[in-house]
Amino acid sequence: MNKSELIFNIADRADVPRATAAGVLEAMVETIREALVAGDTVAIPGFGTFSVRERAARTGRNPRTGESIQIQASKAPAFKSGKTLKDALN
């Protein structure tokens, strides 16, 4: 499912215009993004939890040359699904 199909389904289920559904989806994504940038987690009961995970600095290898390279520490977004979502899939 792509973004436009998601907007269509949200509009259909909530019985609102597509423009409203698109605005709500954009607001939700932006709110989650801002919370993660601030270092917070976002928990949606029954769905899952969005968080930020720290990746430590490490030594990697350039696949072309085989040369060792230093990979800097970084932060990465993470999602852990909730029990209700896991149960729906199995």
PDB file of N, CA and C in Angstrom:
ATOM      1  N   MET A   1       0.853  -1.172   0.000  1.00  0.00           N
ATOM      2  CA  MET A   1       0.000   0.000   0.000  1.00  0.00           C
ATOM      3  C   MET A   1       0.901   1.237   0.000  1.00  0.00           C
ATOM      4  N   ASN A   2       0.626   2.165  -0.903  1.00  0.00           N
ATOM      5  CA  ASN A   2       1.407   3.395  -0.932  1.00  0.00           C
ATOM      6  C   ASN A   2       0.653   4.510  -0.199  1.00  0.00           C
ATOM      7  N   LYS A   3       1.246   5.693  -0.161  1.00  0.00           N
ATOM      8  CA  LYS A   3       0.686   6.794   0.619  1.00  0.00           C
ATOM      9  C   LYS A   3      -0.704   7.199   0.133  1.00  0.00           C
ATOM     10  N   SER A   4      -0.912   7.293  -1.159  1.00  0.00           N
ATOM     11  CA  SER A   4      -2.225   7.717  -1.664  1.00  0.00           C
ATOM     12  C   SER A   4      -3.298   6.676  -1.354  1.00  0.00           C
ATOM     13  N   GLU A   5      -2.949   5.396  -1.411  1.00  0.00           N
ATOM     14  CA  GLU A   5      -3.912   4.350  -1.043  1.00  0.00           C
ATOM     15  C   GLU A   5      -4.226   4.410   0.448  1.00  0.00           C
ATOM     16  N   LEU A   6      -3.221   4.707   1.256  1.00  0.00           N
ATOM     17  CA  LEU A   6      -3.438   4.850   2.694  1.00  0.00           C
ATOM     18  C   LEU A   6      -4.372   6.019   2.978  1.00  0.00           C
ATOM     19  N   ILE A   7      -4.151   7.141   2.326  1.00  0.00           N
ATOM     20  CA  ILE A   7      -5.024   8.312   2.502  1.00  0.00           C
ATOM     21  C   ILE A   7      -6.441   7.973   2.083  1.00  0.00           C
ATOM     22  N   PHE A   8      -6.605   7.280   0.971  1.00  0.00           N
ATOM     23  CA  PHE A   8      -7.937   6.890   0.500  1.00  0.00           C
ATOM     24  C   PHE A   8      -8.643   6.009   1.532  1.00  0.00           C
ATOM     25  N   ASN A   9      -7.927   5.025   2.088  1.00  0.00           N
ATOM     26  CA  ASN A   9      -8.524   4.131   3.086  1.00  0.00           C
ATOM     27  C   ASN A   9      -8.883   4.864   4.374  1.00  0.00           C
ATOM     28  N   ILE A  10      -8.019   5.773   4.808  1.00  0.00           N
ATOM     29  CA  ILE A  10      -8.317   6.555   6.018  1.00  0.00           C
ATOM     30  C   ILE A  10      -9.567   7.392   5.792  1.00  0.00           C
ATOM     31  N   ALA A  11      -9.647   8.055   4.634  1.00  0.00           N
ATOM     32  CA  ALA A  11     -10.805   8.895   4.327  1.00  0.00           C
ATOM     33  C   ALA A  11     -12.081   8.073   4.273  1.00  0.00           C
ATOM     34  N   ASP A  12     -11.995   6.890   3.690  1.00  0.00           N
ATOM     35  CA  ASP A  12     -13.164   6.023   3.564  1.00  0.00           C
ATOM     36  C   ASP A  12     -13.634   5.529   4.931  1.00  0.00           C
ATOM     37  N   ARG A  13     -12.719   5.063   5.771  1.00  0.00           N
ATOM     38  CA  ARG A  13     -13.087   4.517   7.084  1.00  0.00           C
ATOM     39  C   ARG A  13     -13.573   5.596   8.049  1.00  0.00           C
ATOM     40  N   ALA A  14     -12.965   6.788   7.975  1.00  0.00           N
ATOM     41  CA  ALA A  14     -13.342   7.863   8.899  1.00  0.00           C
ATOM     42  C   ALA A  14     -14.467   8.726   8.338  1.00  0.00           C
ATOM     43  N   ASP A  15     -14.860   8.467   7.108  1.00  0.00           N
ATOM     44  CA  ASP A  15     -15.923   9.216   6.447  1.00  0.00           C
ATOM     45  C   ASP A  15     -15.621  10.720   6.436  1.00  0.00           C
ATOM     46  N   VAL A  16     -14.398  11.043   5.977  1.00  0.00           N
ATOM     47  CA  VAL A  16     -13.964  12.433   5.846  1.00  0.00           C
ATOM     48  C   VAL A  16     -13.404  12.628   4.436  1.00  0.00           C
ATOM     49  N   PRO A  17     -13.302  13.876   3.984  1.00  0.00           N
ATOM     50  CA  PRO A  17     -12.715  14.115   2.661  1.00  0.00           C
ATOM     51  C   PRO A  17     -11.242  13.679   2.614  1.00  0.00           C
ATOM     52  N   ARG A  18     -10.783  13.341   1.417  1.00  0.00           N
ATOM     53  CA  ARG A  18      -9.399  12.895   1.267  1.00  0.00           C
ATOM     54  C   ARG A  18      -8.396  13.955   1.690  1.00  0.00           C
ATOM     55  N   ALA A  19      -8.716  15.219   1.437  1.00  0.00           N
ATOM     56  CA  ALA A  19      -7.809  16.303   1.830  1.00  0.00           C
ATOM     57  C   ALA A  19      -7.635  16.338   3.346  1.00  0.00           C
ATOM     58  N   THR A  20      -8.714  16.103   4.074  1.00  0.00           N
ATOM     59  CA  THR A  20      -8.636  16.064   5.536  1.00  0.00           C
ATOM     60  C   THR A  20      -7.798  14.877   5.997  1.00  0.00           C
ATOM     61  N   ALA A  21      -8.028  13.727   5.399  1.00  0.00           N
ATOM     62  CA  ALA A  21      -7.258  12.535   5.756  1.00  0.00           C
ATOM     63  C   ALA A  21      -5.777  12.745   5.459  1.00  0.00           C
ATOM     64  N   ALA A  22      -5.467  13.379   4.334  1.00  0.00           N
ATOM     65  CA  ALA A  22      -4.070  13.651   3.976  1.00  0.00           C
ATOM     66  C   ALA A  22      -3.431  14.582   5.002  1.00  0.00           C
ATOM     67  N   GLY A  23      -4.167  15.592   5.424  1.00  0.00           N
ATOM     68  CA  GLY A  23      -3.651  16.524   6.424  1.00  0.00           C
ATOM     69  C   GLY A  23      -3.399  15.851   7.759  1.00  0.00           C
ATOM     70  N   VAL A  24      -4.302  14.975   8.162  1.00  0.00           N
ATOM     71  CA  VAL A  24      -4.146  14.247   9.427  1.00  0.00           C
ATOM     72  C   VAL A  24      -2.932  13.314   9.349  1.00  0.00           C
ATOM     73  N   LEU A  25      -2.783  12.609   8.236  1.00  0.00           N
ATOM     74  CA  LEU A  25      -1.641  11.715   8.074  1.00  0.00           C
ATOM     75  C   LEU A  25      -0.326  12.494   8.125  1.00  0.00           C
ATOM     76  N   GLU A  26      -0.262  13.614   7.418  1.00  0.00           N
ATOM     77  CA  GLU A  26       0.952  14.447   7.430  1.00  0.00           C
ATOM     78  C   GLU A  26       1.243  14.960   8.833  1.00  0.00           C
ATOM     79  N   ALA A  27       0.212  15.375   9.561  1.00  0.00           N
ATOM     80  CA  ALA A  27       0.393  15.869  10.927  1.00  0.00           C
ATOM     81  C   ALA A  27       0.920  14.755  11.836  1.00  0.00           C
ATOM     82  N   MET A  28       0.404  13.554  11.660  1.00  0.00           N
ATOM     83  CA  MET A  28       0.849  12.426  12.474  1.00  0.00           C
ATOM     84  C   MET A  28       2.316  12.099  12.203  1.00  0.00           C
ATOM     85  N   VAL A  29       2.680  12.028  10.940  1.00  0.00           N
ATOM     86  CA  VAL A  29       4.060  11.713  10.570  1.00  0.00           C
ATOM     87  C   VAL A  29       5.007  12.798  11.090  1.00  0.00           C
ATOM     88  N   GLU A  30       4.637  14.060  10.936  1.00  0.00           N
ATOM     89  CA  GLU A  30       5.470  15.163  11.401  1.00  0.00           C
ATOM     90  C   GLU A  30       5.606  15.153  12.926  1.00  0.00           C
ATOM     91  N   THR A  31       4.526  14.842  13.636  1.00  0.00           N
ATOM     92  CA  THR A  31       4.564  14.774  15.094  1.00  0.00           C
ATOM     93  C   THR A  31       5.492  13.660  15.559  1.00  0.00           C
ATOM     94  N   ILE A  32       5.414  12.503  14.922  1.00  0.00           N
ATOM     95  CA  ILE A  32       6.303  11.388  15.274  1.00  0.00           C
ATOM     96  C   ILE A  32       7.750  11.772  14.982  1.00  0.00           C
ATOM     97  N   ARG A  33       7.989  12.394  13.828  1.00  0.00           N
ATOM     98  CA  ARG A  33       9.345  12.814  13.464  1.00  0.00           C
ATOM     99  C   ARG A  33       9.912  13.786  14.495  1.00  0.00           C
ATOM    100  N   GLU A  34       9.132  14.792  14.880  1.00  0.00           N
ATOM    101  CA  GLU A  34       9.590  15.780  15.860  1.00  0.00           C
ATOM    102  C   GLU A  34       9.889  15.139  17.213  1.00  0.00           C
ATOM    103  N   ALA A  35       9.054  14.184  17.628  1.00  0.00           N
ATOM    104  CA  ALA A  35       9.279  13.508  18.909  1.00  0.00           C
ATOM    105  C   ALA A  35      10.576  12.702  18.866  1.00  0.00           C
ATOM    106  N   LEU A  36      10.840  12.015  17.759  1.00  0.00           N
ATOM    107  CA  LEU A  36      12.055  11.223  17.641  1.00  0.00           C
ATOM    108  C   LEU A  36      13.293  12.112  17.610  1.00  0.00           C
ATOM    109  N   VAL A  37      13.216  13.237  16.908  1.00  0.00           N
ATOM    110  CA  VAL A  37      14.337  14.175  16.865  1.00  0.00           C
ATOM    111  C   VAL A  37      14.638  14.700  18.268  1.00  0.00           C
ATOM    112  N   ALA A  38      13.585  14.897  19.072  1.00  0.00           N
ATOM    113  CA  ALA A  38      13.758  15.374  20.446  1.00  0.00           C
ATOM    114  C   ALA A  38      14.249  14.273  21.384  1.00  0.00           C
ATOM    115  N   GLY A  39      14.324  13.034  20.891  1.00  0.00           N
ATOM    116  CA  GLY A  39      14.805  11.924  21.706  1.00  0.00           C
ATOM    117  C   GLY A  39      13.711  11.189  22.454  1.00  0.00           C
ATOM    118  N   ASP A  40      12.461  11.517  22.196  1.00  0.00           N
ATOM    119  CA  ASP A  40      11.331  10.852  22.844  1.00  0.00           C
ATOM    120  C   ASP A  40      10.949   9.580  22.095  1.00  0.00           C
ATOM    121  N   THR A  41      10.104   8.774  22.729  1.00  0.00           N
ATOM    122  CA  THR A  41       9.516   7.622  22.054  1.00  0.00           C
ATOM    123  C   THR A  41       8.034   7.910  21.867  1.00  0.00           C
ATOM    124  N   VAL A  42       7.446   7.283  20.875  1.00  0.00           N
ATOM    125  CA  VAL A  42       6.022   7.437  20.603  1.00  0.00           C
ATOM    126  C   VAL A  42       5.400   6.048  20.676  1.00  0.00           C
ATOM    127  N   ALA A  43       4.521   5.849  21.653  1.00  0.00           N
ATOM    128  CA  ALA A  43       3.870   4.558  21.844  1.00  0.00           C
ATOM    129  C   ALA A  43       2.404   4.667  21.455  1.00  0.00           C
ATOM    130  N   ILE A  44       1.969   3.781  20.578  1.00  0.00           N
ATOM    131  CA  ILE A  44       0.567   3.702  20.173  1.00  0.00           C
ATOM    132  C   ILE A  44       0.080   2.333  20.629  1.00  0.00           C
ATOM    133  N   PRO A  45      -0.669   2.282  21.737  1.00  0.00           N
ATOM    134  CA  PRO A  45      -1.110   0.992  22.270  1.00  0.00           C
ATOM    135  C   PRO A  45      -1.841   0.164  21.216  1.00  0.00           C
ATOM    136  N   GLY A  46      -1.485  -1.100  21.144  1.00  0.00           N
ATOM    137  CA  GLY A  46      -2.098  -1.997  20.179  1.00  0.00           C
ATOM    138  C   GLY A  46      -1.431  -1.974  18.819  1.00  0.00           C
ATOM    139  N   PHE A  47      -0.590  -0.979  18.572  1.00  0.00           N
ATOM    140  CA  PHE A  47       0.088  -0.871  17.282  1.00  0.00           C
ATOM    141  C   PHE A  47       1.587  -1.051  17.433  1.00  0.00           C
ATOM    142  N   GLY A  48       2.242  -0.187  18.210  1.00  0.00           N
ATOM    143  CA  GLY A  48       3.676  -0.330  18.399  1.00  0.00           C
ATOM    144  C   GLY A  48       4.311   0.915  18.966  1.00  0.00           C
ATOM    145  N   THR A  49       5.639   0.887  19.026  1.00  0.00           N
ATOM    146  CA  THR A  49       6.408   1.978  19.608  1.00  0.00           C
ATOM    147  C   THR A  49       7.508   2.407  18.651  1.00  0.00           C
ATOM    148  N   PHE A  50       7.571   3.705  18.388  1.00  0.00           N
ATOM    149  CA  PHE A  50       8.637   4.293  17.594  1.00  0.00           C
ATOM    150  C   PHE A  50       9.677   4.832  18.570  1.00  0.00           C
ATOM    151  N   SER A  51      10.964   4.586  18.288  1.00  0.00           N
ATOM    152  CA  SER A  51      12.016   5.074  19.162  1.00  0.00           C
ATOM    153  C   SER A  51      13.276   5.337  18.344  1.00  0.00           C
ATOM    154  N   VAL A  52      14.294   5.860  19.031  1.00  0.00           N
ATOM    155  CA  VAL A  52      15.585   6.110  18.399  1.00  0.00           C
ATOM    156  C   VAL A  52      16.600   5.171  19.037  1.00  0.00           C
ATOM    157  N   ARG A  53      17.373   4.492  18.211  1.00  0.00           N
ATOM    158  CA  ARG A  53      18.422   3.614  18.709  1.00  0.00           C
ATOM    159  C   ARG A  53      19.775   4.185  18.323  1.00  0.00           C
ATOM    160  N   GLU A  54      20.710   4.067  19.245  1.00  0.00           N
ATOM    161  CA  GLU A  54      22.066   4.561  19.013  1.00  0.00           C
ATOM    162  C   GLU A  54      22.905   3.438  18.414  1.00  0.00           C
ATOM    163  N   ARG A  55      23.624   3.746  17.366  1.00  0.00           N
ATOM    164  CA  ARG A  55      24.566   2.802  16.773  1.00  0.00           C
ATOM    165  C   ARG A  55      25.970   3.248  17.158  1.00  0.00           C
ATOM    166  N   ALA A  56      26.738   2.356  17.734  1.00  0.00           N
ATOM    167  CA  ALA A  56      28.096   2.675  18.161  1.00  0.00           C
ATOM    168  C   ALA A  56      29.021   2.795  16.958  1.00  0.00           C
ATOM    169  N   ALA A  57      30.101   3.539  17.134  1.00  0.00           N
ATOM    170  CA  ALA A  57      31.126   3.621  16.096  1.00  0.00           C
ATOM    171  C   ALA A  57      31.748   2.235  15.939  1.00  0.00           C
ATOM    172  N   ARG A  58      32.140   1.921  14.712  1.00  0.00           N
ATOM    173  CA  ARG A  58      32.705   0.598  14.482  1.00  0.00           C
ATOM    174  C   ARG A  58      33.633   0.642  13.267  1.00  0.00           C
ATOM    175  N   THR A  59      34.378  -0.407  13.126  1.00  0.00           N
ATOM    176  CA  THR A  59      35.270  -0.525  11.975  1.00  0.00           C
ATOM    177  C   THR A  59      34.577  -1.392  10.933  1.00  0.00           C
ATOM    178  N   GLY A  60      34.527  -0.889   9.715  1.00  0.00           N
ATOM    179  CA  GLY A  60      33.921  -1.631   8.617  1.00  0.00           C
ATOM    180  C   GLY A  60      34.965  -1.919   7.546  1.00  0.00           C
ATOM    181  N   ARG A  61      34.518  -2.485   6.453  1.00  0.00           N
ATOM    182  CA  ARG A  61      35.433  -2.813   5.375  1.00  0.00           C
ATOM    183  C   ARG A  61      34.827  -2.356   4.053  1.00  0.00           C
ATOM    184  N   ASN A  62      35.634  -1.668   3.251  1.00  0.00           N
ATOM    185  CA  ASN A  62      35.213  -1.254   1.920  1.00  0.00           C
ATOM    186  C   ASN A  62      35.149  -2.502   1.049  1.00  0.00           C
ATOM    187  N   PRO A  63      33.968  -2.860   0.504  1.00  0.00           N
ATOM    188  CA  PRO A  63      33.849  -4.102  -0.256  1.00  0.00           C
ATOM    189  C   PRO A  63      34.659  -4.110  -1.559  1.00  0.00           C
ATOM    190  N   ARG A  64      34.930  -2.943  -2.123  1.00  0.00           N
ATOM    191  CA  ARG A  64      35.709  -2.889  -3.367  1.00  0.00           C
ATOM    192  C   ARG A  64      37.185  -3.131  -3.145  1.00  0.00           C
ATOM    193  N   THR A  65      37.728  -2.448  -2.120  1.00  0.00           N
ATOM    194  CA  THR A  65      39.172  -2.499  -1.925  1.00  0.00           C
ATOM    195  C   THR A  65      39.595  -3.408  -0.775  1.00  0.00           C
ATOM    196  N   GLY A  66      38.650  -3.724   0.110  1.00  0.00           N
ATOM    197  CA  GLY A  66      38.987  -4.527   1.272  1.00  0.00           C
ATOM    198  C   GLY A  66      39.624  -3.698   2.376  1.00  0.00           C
ATOM    199  N   GLU A  67      39.758  -2.409   2.138  1.00  0.00           N
ATOM    200  CA  GLU A  67      40.387  -1.500   3.097  1.00  0.00           C
ATOM    201  C   GLU A  67      39.486  -1.275   4.310  1.00  0.00           C
ATOM    202  N   SER A  68      40.071  -1.214   5.496  1.00  0.00           N
ATOM    203  CA  SER A  68      39.301  -0.937   6.709  1.00  0.00           C
ATOM    204  C   SER A  68      38.934   0.538   6.750  1.00  0.00           C
ATOM    205  N   ILE A  69      37.690   0.796   7.153  1.00  0.00           N
ATOM    206  CA  ILE A  69      37.229   2.180   7.299  1.00  0.00           C
ATOM    207  C   ILE A  69      36.549   2.327   8.649  1.00  0.00           C
ATOM    208  N   GLN A  70      36.578   3.544   9.173  1.00  0.00           N
ATOM    209  CA  GLN A  70      35.934   3.815  10.449  1.00  0.00           C
ATOM    210  C   GLN A  70      34.532   4.343  10.172  1.00  0.00           C
ATOM    211  N   ILE A  71      33.510   3.696  10.734  1.00  0.00           N
ATOM    212  CA  ILE A  71      32.121   4.115  10.581  1.00  0.00           C
ATOM    213  C   ILE A  71      31.737   4.859  11.849  1.00  0.00           C
ATOM    214  N   GLN A  72      31.258   6.080  11.683  1.00  0.00           N
ATOM    215  CA  GLN A  72      30.925   6.928  12.828  1.00  0.00           C
ATOM    216  C   GLN A  72      29.682   6.432  13.553  1.00  0.00           C
ATOM    217  N   ALA A  73      29.565   6.806  14.821  1.00  0.00           N
ATOM    218  CA  ALA A  73      28.359   6.516  15.592  1.00  0.00           C
ATOM    219  C   ALA A  73      27.195   7.284  14.968  1.00  0.00           C
ATOM    220  N   SER A  74      26.002   6.728  15.074  1.00  0.00           N
ATOM    221  CA  SER A  74      24.825   7.391  14.496  1.00  0.00           C
ATOM    222  C   SER A  74      23.578   6.997  15.262  1.00  0.00           C
ATOM    223  N   LYS A  75      22.497   7.670  14.944  1.00  0.00           N
ATOM    224  CA  LYS A  75      21.192   7.345  15.513  1.00  0.00           C
ATOM    225  C   LYS A  75      20.313   6.824  14.379  1.00  0.00           C
ATOM    226  N   ALA A  76      19.450   5.861  14.704  1.00  0.00           N
ATOM    227  CA  ALA A  76      18.573   5.281  13.684  1.00  0.00           C
ATOM    228  C   ALA A  76      17.168   5.125  14.255  1.00  0.00           C
ATOM    229  N   PRO A  77      16.135   5.401  13.448  1.00  0.00           N
ATOM    230  CA  PRO A  77      14.770   5.187  13.925  1.00  0.00           C
ATOM    231  C   PRO A  77      14.483   3.694  14.032  1.00  0.00           C
ATOM    232  N   ALA A  78      13.642   3.342  14.997  1.00  0.00           N
ATOM    233  CA  ALA A  78      13.285   1.936  15.190  1.00  0.00           C
ATOM    234  C   ALA A  78      11.797   1.835  15.480  1.00  0.00           C
ATOM    235  N   PHE A  79      11.222   0.698  15.141  1.00  0.00           N
ATOM    236  CA  PHE A  79       9.814   0.437  15.419  1.00  0.00           C
ATOM    237  C   PHE A  79       9.700  -0.953  16.008  1.00  0.00           C
ATOM    238  N   LYS A  80       9.008  -1.045  17.128  1.00  0.00           N
ATOM    239  CA  LYS A  80       8.744  -2.344  17.747  1.00  0.00           C
ATOM    240  C   LYS A  80       7.234  -2.528  17.748  1.00  0.00           C
ATOM    241  N   SER A  81       6.769  -3.566  17.089  1.00  0.00           N
ATOM    242  CA  SER A  81       5.328  -3.777  16.975  1.00  0.00           C
ATOM    243  C   SER A  81       4.742  -4.225  18.310  1.00  0.00           C
ATOM    244  N   GLY A  82       3.487  -3.837  18.526  1.00  0.00           N
ATOM    245  CA  GLY A  82       2.772  -4.208  19.740  1.00  0.00           C
ATOM    246  C   GLY A  82       2.170  -5.597  19.626  1.00  0.00           C
ATOM    247  N   LYS A  83       1.735  -6.129  20.740  1.00  0.00           N
ATOM    248  CA  LYS A  83       1.189  -7.483  20.792  1.00  0.00           C
ATOM    249  C   LYS A  83      -0.035  -7.647  19.902  1.00  0.00           C
ATOM    250  N   THR A  84      -0.931  -6.669  19.907  1.00  0.00           N
ATOM    251  CA  THR A  84      -2.146  -6.769  19.093  1.00  0.00           C
ATOM    252  C   THR A  84      -1.811  -6.868  17.612  1.00  0.00           C
ATOM    253  N   LEU A  85      -0.840  -6.066  17.163  1.00  0.00           N
ATOM    254  CA  LEU A  85      -0.428  -6.108  15.762  1.00  0.00           C
ATOM    255  C   LEU A  85       0.235  -7.445  15.431  1.00  0.00           C
ATOM    256  N   LYS A  86       1.105  -7.924  16.313  1.00  0.00           N
ATOM    257  CA  LYS A  86       1.753  -9.223  16.097  1.00  0.00           C
ATOM    258  C   LYS A  86       0.718 -10.344  16.012  1.00  0.00           C
ATOM    259  N   ASP A  87      -0.260 -10.311  16.929  1.00  0.00           N
ATOM    260  CA  ASP A  87      -1.282 -11.345  16.944  1.00  0.00           C
ATOM    261  C   ASP A  87      -2.137 -11.322  15.674  1.00  0.00           C
ATOM    262  N   ALA A  88      -2.381 -10.132  15.121  1.00  0.00           N
ATOM    263  CA  ALA A  88      -3.180 -10.009  13.901  1.00  0.00           C
ATOM    264  C   ALA A  88      -2.456 -10.621  12.701  1.00  0.00           C
ATOM    265  N   LEU A  89      -1.131 -10.609  12.746  1.00  0.00           N
ATOM    266  CA  LEU A  89      -0.352 -11.145  11.630  1.00  0.00           C
ATOM    267  C   LEU A  89      -0.197 -12.646  11.678  1.00  0.00           C
ATOM    268  N   ASN A  90      -0.363 -13.230  12.858  1.00  0.00           N
ATOM    269  CA  ASN A  90      -0.150 -14.679  12.986  1.00  0.00           C
ATOM    270  C   ASN A  90      -1.426 -15.434  13.097  1.00  0.00           C
TER     271      ASN A  90
END
